[in-house]
Amino acid sequence: MESISLDEVIKSVASQVKAFHKDDTTGHDWWHVWRVWNLARHIAQRESADMLQVELAALLHDMDDHKMAHSDGENLPNARKVLLDSNVEHSLVDSVLAIIKQVSFKGAGVDTTPTSLEACVVQDADRLDAIGAIGIARAFAYGGSKQRELYNPNEEPNMHGTFAEYKNSKGNTLNHFYEKLFLLKDRLNTPAARELAISRHSYMQEFVEQFLGEWNLEDKP
């Protein structure tokens, strides 16, 4: 770093990220980033990962996400600019961007196994925020923002085999539980994340069971 403390770097990055996400209503807002940041710090501490790389990647992980920024997930101009504007050394910039590229889920049939401990941590933190009560709320917020149906019993889940297929999917929100959310618990990388996922996964299962019961009038007296 050039005459700037690590705390000042984190503060600078967090401030820019907060401003970037301030108008989001898709479930990828500042509070999502804040939760992922906190989860990532918790997991990094448990797993002895490099905390600075983890914090920076967690804060920046959605700035170039294909769902909001129409990015290909490889060129990350928004995240790169924030890092450089915060006086982060070029070697660290490259390391953080490499982590971010490995965070996103890209389809049920696509292997997204991270190649570093730090990428494992940030990917796990992001996936934990996609499940449980908050994950349910975020799924329907995103679906509504994209004019997707809550559910359509005539539409089968699509276990996307490529990122392009997943990225272009227009399926209903309940199918998203089968296409992604129910898969995440068993695809987490770290013991700390897997421990946190157990109750969140169970809560989603109960929700979908209740949803389908109400839809089919199976809970009538």
Protein backbone atom coordinates (compact mmCIF):
# COMPACT_ATOMS: atom_id res chain seq x y z
CA MET A 1 0.00 0.00 0.00
CA GLU A 2 1.12 3.58 -0.66
CA SER A 3 0.92 5.51 2.65
CA ILE A 4 -2.57 4.29 3.42
CA SER A 5 -3.60 1.89 6.19
CA LEU A 6 -5.45 -1.36 5.56
CA ASP A 7 -8.41 -0.04 7.56
CA GLU A 8 -8.53 3.02 5.31
CA VAL A 9 -8.49 0.79 2.22
CA ILE A 10 -11.42 -1.27 3.48
CA LYS A 11 -13.30 1.90 4.47
CA SER A 12 -12.71 3.43 1.02
CA VAL A 13 -13.83 0.30 -0.81
CA ALA A 14 -16.90 -0.18 1.39
CA SER A 15 -17.97 3.42 0.86
CA GLN A 16 -17.76 3.12 -2.92
CA VAL A 17 -19.55 -0.23 -2.94
CA LYS A 18 -22.34 1.13 -0.75
CA ALA A 19 -22.88 4.03 -3.15
CA PHE A 20 -22.83 1.70 -6.17
CA HIS A 21 -25.55 -0.61 -4.77
CA LYS A 22 -27.70 2.04 -3.05
CA ASP A 23 -30.65 1.87 -5.50
CA ASP A 24 -30.77 -1.90 -5.98
CA THR A 25 -34.08 -3.66 -5.28
CA THR A 26 -33.23 -7.08 -6.73
CA GLY A 27 -31.74 -8.56 -3.56
CA HIS A 28 -28.22 -7.55 -4.58
CA ASP A 29 -28.23 -4.34 -2.57
CA TRP A 30 -25.70 -2.98 -0.09
CA TRP A 31 -27.19 -5.07 2.74
CA HIS A 32 -26.59 -8.26 0.75
CA VAL A 33 -22.96 -7.18 0.29
CA TRP A 34 -22.73 -6.29 3.99
CA ARG A 35 -24.03 -9.72 5.03
CA VAL A 36 -21.65 -11.52 2.65
CA TRP A 37 -18.78 -9.39 3.97
CA ASN A 38 -19.60 -10.37 7.55
CA LEU A 39 -20.11 -14.04 6.70
CA ALA A 40 -16.83 -14.06 4.78
CA ARG A 41 -14.93 -12.57 7.73
CA HIS A 42 -16.46 -15.17 10.05
CA ILE A 43 -15.54 -18.06 7.75
CA ALA A 44 -12.07 -16.66 6.97
CA GLN A 45 -11.27 -16.47 10.65
CA ARG A 46 -12.42 -20.05 11.19
CA GLU A 47 -10.52 -21.35 8.15
CA SER A 48 -7.36 -19.18 8.51
CA ALA A 49 -7.75 -17.51 5.11
CA ASP A 50 -6.08 -14.26 4.11
CA MET A 51 -8.46 -11.72 5.63
CA LEU A 52 -7.61 -8.73 3.43
CA GLN A 53 -8.15 -10.60 0.17
CA VAL A 54 -11.38 -12.07 1.51
CA GLU A 55 -12.77 -8.74 2.71
CA LEU A 56 -12.00 -6.93 -0.53
CA ALA A 57 -13.44 -9.70 -2.72
CA ALA A 58 -16.56 -10.02 -0.56
CA LEU A 59 -17.20 -6.28 -0.75
CA LEU A 60 -16.71 -6.15 -4.53
CA HIS A 61 -18.17 -9.50 -5.56
CA ASP A 62 -21.38 -8.13 -7.15
CA MET A 63 -20.16 -4.92 -8.79
CA ASP A 64 -19.70 -6.69 -12.14
CA ASP A 65 -22.25 -9.48 -11.72
CA HIS A 66 -23.95 -10.44 -14.98
CA LYS A 67 -27.42 -9.98 -13.45
CA MET A 68 -26.84 -6.29 -12.75
CA ALA A 69 -23.87 -5.09 -14.78
CA HIS A 70 -24.31 -7.20 -17.95
CA SER A 71 -20.78 -8.45 -17.44
CA ASP A 72 -19.29 -11.65 -18.82
CA GLY A 73 -17.80 -12.32 -15.38
CA GLU A 74 -14.27 -12.10 -16.74
CA ASN A 75 -13.74 -8.40 -17.29
CA LEU A 76 -14.42 -6.66 -13.99
CA PRO A 77 -14.01 -2.93 -14.70
CA ASN A 78 -16.08 -1.66 -11.78
CA ALA A 79 -14.27 -3.71 -9.14
CA ARG A 80 -10.87 -2.95 -10.68
CA LYS A 81 -11.54 0.79 -10.66
CA VAL A 82 -12.58 0.78 -6.98
CA LEU A 83 -9.44 -1.11 -6.00
CA LEU A 84 -7.13 1.17 -7.97
CA ASP A 85 -8.91 4.29 -6.70
CA SER A 86 -8.31 2.97 -3.16
CA ASN A 87 -4.54 2.68 -3.78
CA VAL A 88 -4.47 -1.11 -3.71
CA GLU A 89 -1.26 -2.58 -5.09
CA HIS A 90 -1.57 -4.12 -8.56
CA SER A 91 -0.59 -7.61 -7.40
CA LEU A 92 -3.34 -7.55 -4.78
CA VAL A 93 -5.82 -6.19 -7.32
CA ASP A 94 -5.14 -9.21 -9.52
CA SER A 95 -5.56 -11.62 -6.60
CA VAL A 96 -8.87 -10.08 -5.53
CA LEU A 97 -10.26 -10.07 -9.07
CA ALA A 98 -9.27 -13.72 -9.45
CA ILE A 99 -11.34 -14.53 -6.35
CA ILE A 100 -14.37 -12.59 -7.59
CA LYS A 101 -14.35 -14.49 -10.89
CA GLN A 102 -14.89 -17.73 -8.95
CA VAL A 103 -17.79 -16.63 -6.74
CA SER A 104 -20.87 -16.94 -8.94
CA PHE A 105 -23.09 -19.97 -9.42
CA LYS A 106 -23.23 -20.68 -13.17
CA GLY A 107 -25.74 -23.51 -13.51
CA ALA A 108 -26.57 -26.83 -11.89
CA GLY A 109 -24.39 -28.70 -14.36
CA VAL A 110 -21.44 -26.28 -14.31
CA ASP A 111 -18.41 -26.94 -12.11
CA THR A 112 -17.50 -23.80 -10.15
CA THR A 113 -15.08 -25.33 -7.64
CA PRO A 114 -12.74 -22.53 -6.43
CA THR A 115 -8.98 -22.81 -6.78
CA SER A 116 -7.93 -21.00 -3.59
CA LEU A 117 -8.96 -20.99 0.06
CA GLU A 118 -9.91 -17.32 -0.19
CA ALA A 119 -12.18 -17.97 -3.18
CA CYS A 120 -13.76 -20.87 -1.27
CA VAL A 121 -14.53 -18.54 1.61
CA VAL A 122 -16.12 -15.77 -0.46
CA GLN A 123 -18.07 -18.20 -2.62
CA ASP A 124 -19.41 -19.88 0.53
CA ALA A 125 -20.39 -16.55 2.09
CA ASP A 126 -22.30 -15.51 -1.03
CA ARG A 127 -24.07 -18.86 -1.23
CA LEU A 128 -25.06 -18.79 2.43
CA ASP A 129 -26.87 -15.50 1.79
CA ALA A 130 -28.77 -17.20 -1.04
CA ILE A 131 -30.38 -19.78 1.27
CA GLY A 132 -32.53 -19.70 4.39
CA ALA A 133 -35.13 -17.04 5.20
CA ILE A 134 -33.15 -14.22 3.60
CA GLY A 135 -32.40 -16.38 0.57
CA ILE A 136 -36.13 -16.99 0.08
CA ALA A 137 -36.86 -13.27 0.29
CA ARG A 138 -34.06 -12.46 -2.13
CA ALA A 139 -35.20 -15.09 -4.64
CA PHE A 140 -38.69 -13.63 -4.87
CA ALA A 141 -37.40 -10.05 -4.89
CA TYR A 142 -35.17 -10.88 -7.85
CA GLY A 143 -37.90 -12.83 -9.64
CA GLY A 144 -40.31 -9.93 -9.27
CA SER A 145 -37.74 -7.47 -10.57
CA LYS A 146 -37.45 -9.63 -13.72
CA GLN A 147 -41.23 -10.09 -14.14
CA ARG A 148 -41.03 -13.81 -13.43
CA GLU A 149 -43.97 -15.87 -12.22
CA LEU A 150 -43.98 -17.03 -8.60
CA TYR A 151 -44.67 -20.56 -9.79
CA ASN A 152 -46.05 -22.36 -12.81
CA PRO A 153 -46.89 -26.03 -12.28
CA ASN A 154 -46.69 -26.61 -16.04
CA GLU A 155 -43.02 -25.61 -16.10
CA GLU A 156 -40.37 -28.12 -15.08
CA PRO A 157 -37.09 -27.06 -13.43
CA ASN A 158 -34.21 -26.77 -15.88
CA MET A 159 -30.89 -28.07 -14.59
CA HIS A 160 -28.81 -25.79 -16.79
CA GLY A 161 -25.75 -27.42 -18.31
CA THR A 162 -23.96 -24.24 -19.38
CA PHE A 163 -23.49 -20.75 -18.00
CA ALA A 164 -25.10 -19.26 -21.11
CA GLU A 165 -28.19 -21.39 -20.59
CA TYR A 166 -28.37 -20.44 -16.91
CA LYS A 167 -27.76 -16.75 -17.59
CA ASN A 168 -30.57 -16.59 -20.17
CA SER A 169 -33.12 -18.54 -18.13
CA LYS A 170 -36.54 -16.94 -17.57
CA GLY A 171 -38.00 -19.66 -15.34
CA ASN A 172 -40.39 -19.14 -12.46
CA THR A 173 -39.02 -18.40 -9.00
CA LEU A 174 -40.07 -21.61 -7.27
CA ASN A 175 -38.18 -23.64 -9.86
CA HIS A 176 -35.07 -21.66 -8.86
CA PHE A 177 -35.09 -23.58 -5.56
CA TYR A 178 -34.57 -26.85 -7.46
CA GLU A 179 -32.25 -25.35 -10.07
CA LYS A 180 -29.92 -23.68 -7.56
CA LEU A 181 -30.88 -23.03 -3.94
CA PHE A 182 -31.41 -26.64 -2.83
CA LEU A 183 -28.06 -27.57 -4.40
CA LEU A 184 -25.93 -25.06 -2.51
CA LYS A 185 -25.65 -26.82 0.87
CA ASP A 186 -23.78 -29.75 -0.65
CA ARG A 187 -21.59 -27.52 -2.78
CA LEU A 188 -20.13 -25.44 0.02
CA ASN A 189 -16.37 -25.67 0.44
CA THR A 190 -15.59 -25.02 4.10
CA PRO A 191 -16.64 -26.75 7.33
CA ALA A 192 -17.62 -23.38 8.85
CA ALA A 193 -20.04 -22.65 5.99
CA ARG A 194 -21.47 -26.17 5.93
CA GLU A 195 -22.28 -25.85 9.61
CA LEU A 196 -24.20 -22.61 9.05
CA ALA A 197 -26.04 -24.04 6.04
CA ILE A 198 -27.85 -26.86 7.83
CA SER A 199 -30.67 -24.87 9.41
CA ARG A 200 -30.98 -22.53 6.43
CA HIS A 201 -31.41 -25.44 4.04
CA SER A 202 -34.04 -27.07 6.26
CA TYR A 203 -35.98 -23.82 6.47
CA MET A 204 -36.14 -23.60 2.67
CA GLN A 205 -37.37 -27.17 2.42
CA GLU A 206 -40.16 -26.42 4.90
CA PHE A 207 -41.08 -23.26 3.01
CA VAL A 208 -41.38 -25.01 -0.37
CA GLU A 209 -43.41 -27.83 1.20
CA GLN A 210 -45.79 -25.28 2.73
CA PHE A 211 -45.95 -23.28 -0.53
CA LEU A 212 -46.88 -26.31 -2.61
CA GLY A 213 -49.36 -27.49 0.02
CA GLU A 214 -51.18 -24.17 -0.12
CA TRP A 215 -51.01 -24.10 -3.92
CA ASN A 216 -52.59 -27.55 -4.14
CA LEU A 217 -55.02 -26.97 -1.22
CA GLU A 218 -53.44 -29.86 0.67
CA ASP A 219 -53.66 -27.93 3.93
CA LYS A 220 -57.45 -27.44 3.80
CA PRO A 221 -59.42 -28.55 6.92
